[in-house]
Amino acid sequence: HVQLVESGGGSVQAGGSLRLSCVVSGVSISRYCMGWFHEAPGKEREGVAATYTDGNTWYDDPVKGRFTITQDNAKNTIVLQMIDLKPEDRGMYYCAARRRPLRGYACGTALNRGTNEFDAWGQGTQVTVS
């Protein structure tokens, strides 16, 4: 049984930082495409960062240079470090895993294609930026 549990959300002022963590159990993150998604109030859930087994990472344009995704295989944990937060970064953040094989495209492409590309999700953690 796969389980993803996010933590680290909170309320910060614009320009502040937060570190989100996603602890995964039931599967090894070293085998899969892992992503973080953002759901702003009233908007669809969109991918912001992804990481794959080969160490490659991908970012949505609005967060490049501000967000960093890392994975700790020993702890089976994915971390999203967020700096210089903006009001538009507020909302729910979800960790997700894609356990199906990537057939002919990269993990970053899966991130851009959206939520249907990922099949295991956490419950999310709330981020507020004022």
Protein backbone atom coordinates (compact mmCIF):
# COMPACT_ATOMS: atom_id res chain seq x y z
CA HIS A 1 0.00 0.00 0.00
CA VAL A 2 1.60 3.26 -1.13
CA GLN A 3 1.28 6.32 1.08
CA LEU A 4 2.56 9.87 0.57
CA VAL A 5 2.47 12.29 3.50
CA GLU A 6 3.28 15.96 3.02
CA SER A 7 4.30 18.40 5.72
CA GLY A 8 5.97 21.78 6.07
CA GLY A 9 3.25 24.11 4.89
CA GLY A 10 2.42 27.27 6.75
CA SER A 11 1.89 30.99 6.55
CA VAL A 12 4.66 33.35 5.49
CA GLN A 13 5.05 36.87 4.23
CA ALA A 14 5.95 37.55 0.63
CA GLY A 15 9.65 36.98 0.16
CA GLY A 16 9.72 34.29 2.82
CA SER A 17 10.70 30.63 2.55
CA LEU A 18 9.19 27.25 3.29
CA ARG A 19 10.46 23.69 3.06
CA LEU A 20 7.91 21.05 2.14
CA SER A 21 8.59 17.37 2.74
CA CYS A 22 6.89 14.28 1.36
CA VAL A 23 7.56 11.01 3.13
CA VAL A 24 6.71 8.02 0.96
CA SER A 25 5.99 4.48 2.11
CA GLY A 26 5.08 1.35 0.21
CA VAL A 27 7.22 2.12 -2.85
CA SER A 28 10.78 3.24 -3.41
CA ILE A 29 11.03 6.78 -4.77
CA SER A 30 14.30 5.84 -6.43
CA ARG A 31 12.32 3.96 -9.07
CA TYR A 32 9.76 6.53 -10.11
CA CYS A 33 9.04 9.96 -11.48
CA MET A 34 8.12 12.11 -8.47
CA GLY A 35 6.43 15.49 -8.60
CA TRP A 36 5.07 18.40 -6.61
CA PHE A 37 1.83 20.02 -7.70
CA HIS A 38 0.26 23.33 -6.73
CA GLU A 39 -3.46 23.99 -6.51
CA ALA A 40 -4.21 27.69 -6.16
CA PRO A 41 -7.65 28.72 -4.84
CA GLY A 42 -10.22 28.25 -7.60
CA LYS A 43 -7.70 26.86 -10.08
CA GLU A 44 -6.65 23.49 -11.39
CA ARG A 45 -3.84 21.51 -9.87
CA GLU A 46 -0.63 22.12 -11.83
CA GLY A 47 2.83 20.64 -11.71
CA VAL A 48 5.62 22.83 -10.37
CA ALA A 49 8.59 20.49 -9.98
CA ALA A 50 9.61 16.92 -10.72
CA THR A 51 12.57 14.63 -10.21
CA TYR A 52 13.49 11.31 -11.73
CA THR A 53 15.68 8.35 -10.86
CA ASP A 54 18.59 9.67 -12.96
CA GLY A 55 18.71 12.84 -10.88
CA ASN A 56 17.25 15.11 -13.53
CA THR A 57 14.85 17.79 -12.34
CA TRP A 58 12.22 19.94 -14.04
CA TYR A 59 10.45 23.13 -13.00
CA ASP A 60 7.48 25.11 -14.16
CA ASP A 61 8.65 28.49 -15.45
CA PRO A 62 7.12 30.66 -12.67
CA VAL A 63 9.10 28.81 -9.97
CA LYS A 64 12.46 28.43 -11.71
CA GLY A 65 15.20 29.90 -9.57
CA ARG A 66 12.96 29.96 -6.50
CA PHE A 67 11.97 26.32 -5.92
CA THR A 68 14.31 23.36 -5.62
CA ILE A 69 13.23 19.72 -5.60
CA THR A 70 15.47 17.10 -4.07
CA GLN A 71 15.09 13.46 -3.17
CA ASP A 72 16.62 11.51 -0.32
CA ASN A 73 16.46 7.86 -1.31
CA ALA A 74 17.67 6.66 2.06
CA LYS A 75 14.75 8.40 3.76
CA ASN A 76 12.36 7.82 0.85
CA THR A 77 11.53 11.51 1.01
CA ILE A 78 10.99 14.26 -1.56
CA VAL A 79 11.66 17.85 -0.51
CA LEU A 80 10.53 21.08 -2.13
CA GLN A 81 12.52 24.07 -0.92
CA MET A 82 10.71 27.32 -1.72
CA ILE A 83 12.30 30.75 -1.42
CA ASP A 84 11.18 34.26 -2.37
CA LEU A 85 7.55 33.21 -2.06
CA LYS A 86 4.95 35.31 -3.81
CA PRO A 87 1.22 35.71 -3.12
CA GLU A 88 0.48 33.66 -6.25
CA ASP A 89 2.32 30.71 -4.68
CA ARG A 90 -0.40 30.30 -2.07
CA GLY A 91 -2.61 27.21 -2.10
CA MET A 92 -2.35 23.50 -1.54
CA TYR A 93 0.79 21.59 -2.44
CA TYR A 94 0.61 17.92 -3.27
CA CYS A 95 3.30 15.30 -3.66
CA ALA A 96 2.71 12.67 -6.35
CA ALA A 97 4.29 9.56 -7.77
CA ARG A 98 4.07 8.13 -11.26
CA ARG A 99 4.48 4.39 -10.98
CA ARG A 100 3.68 3.58 -14.60
CA PRO A 101 6.69 3.41 -16.91
CA LEU A 102 7.54 6.54 -18.84
CA ARG A 103 7.19 5.44 -22.44
CA GLY A 104 9.10 7.69 -24.78
CA TYR A 105 9.02 10.87 -22.78
CA ALA A 106 10.68 12.44 -19.80
CA CYS A 107 9.44 12.86 -16.24
CA GLY A 108 9.27 16.60 -16.89
CA THR A 109 6.90 15.99 -19.79
CA ALA A 110 4.67 13.98 -17.48
CA LEU A 111 4.70 16.91 -15.06
CA ASN A 112 3.64 19.29 -17.83
CA ARG A 113 0.91 16.94 -19.03
CA GLY A 114 -0.75 17.14 -15.66
CA THR A 115 -2.36 15.17 -12.88
CA ASN A 116 -3.48 12.21 -15.01
CA GLU A 117 0.15 11.24 -15.50
CA PHE A 118 0.57 10.52 -11.77
CA ASP A 119 -1.21 7.75 -9.93
CA ALA A 120 -0.40 8.14 -6.23
CA TRP A 121 -1.07 11.31 -4.24
CA GLY A 122 -0.69 12.72 -0.80
CA GLN A 123 -3.33 14.70 1.06
CA GLY A 124 -1.54 18.00 0.55
CA THR A 125 -0.15 20.76 2.71
CA GLN A 126 -1.41 24.35 2.82
CA VAL A 127 0.78 27.33 1.95
CA THR A 128 -0.33 30.88 2.66
CA VAL A 129 1.63 33.89 1.43
CA SER A 130 0.55 37.38 2.44
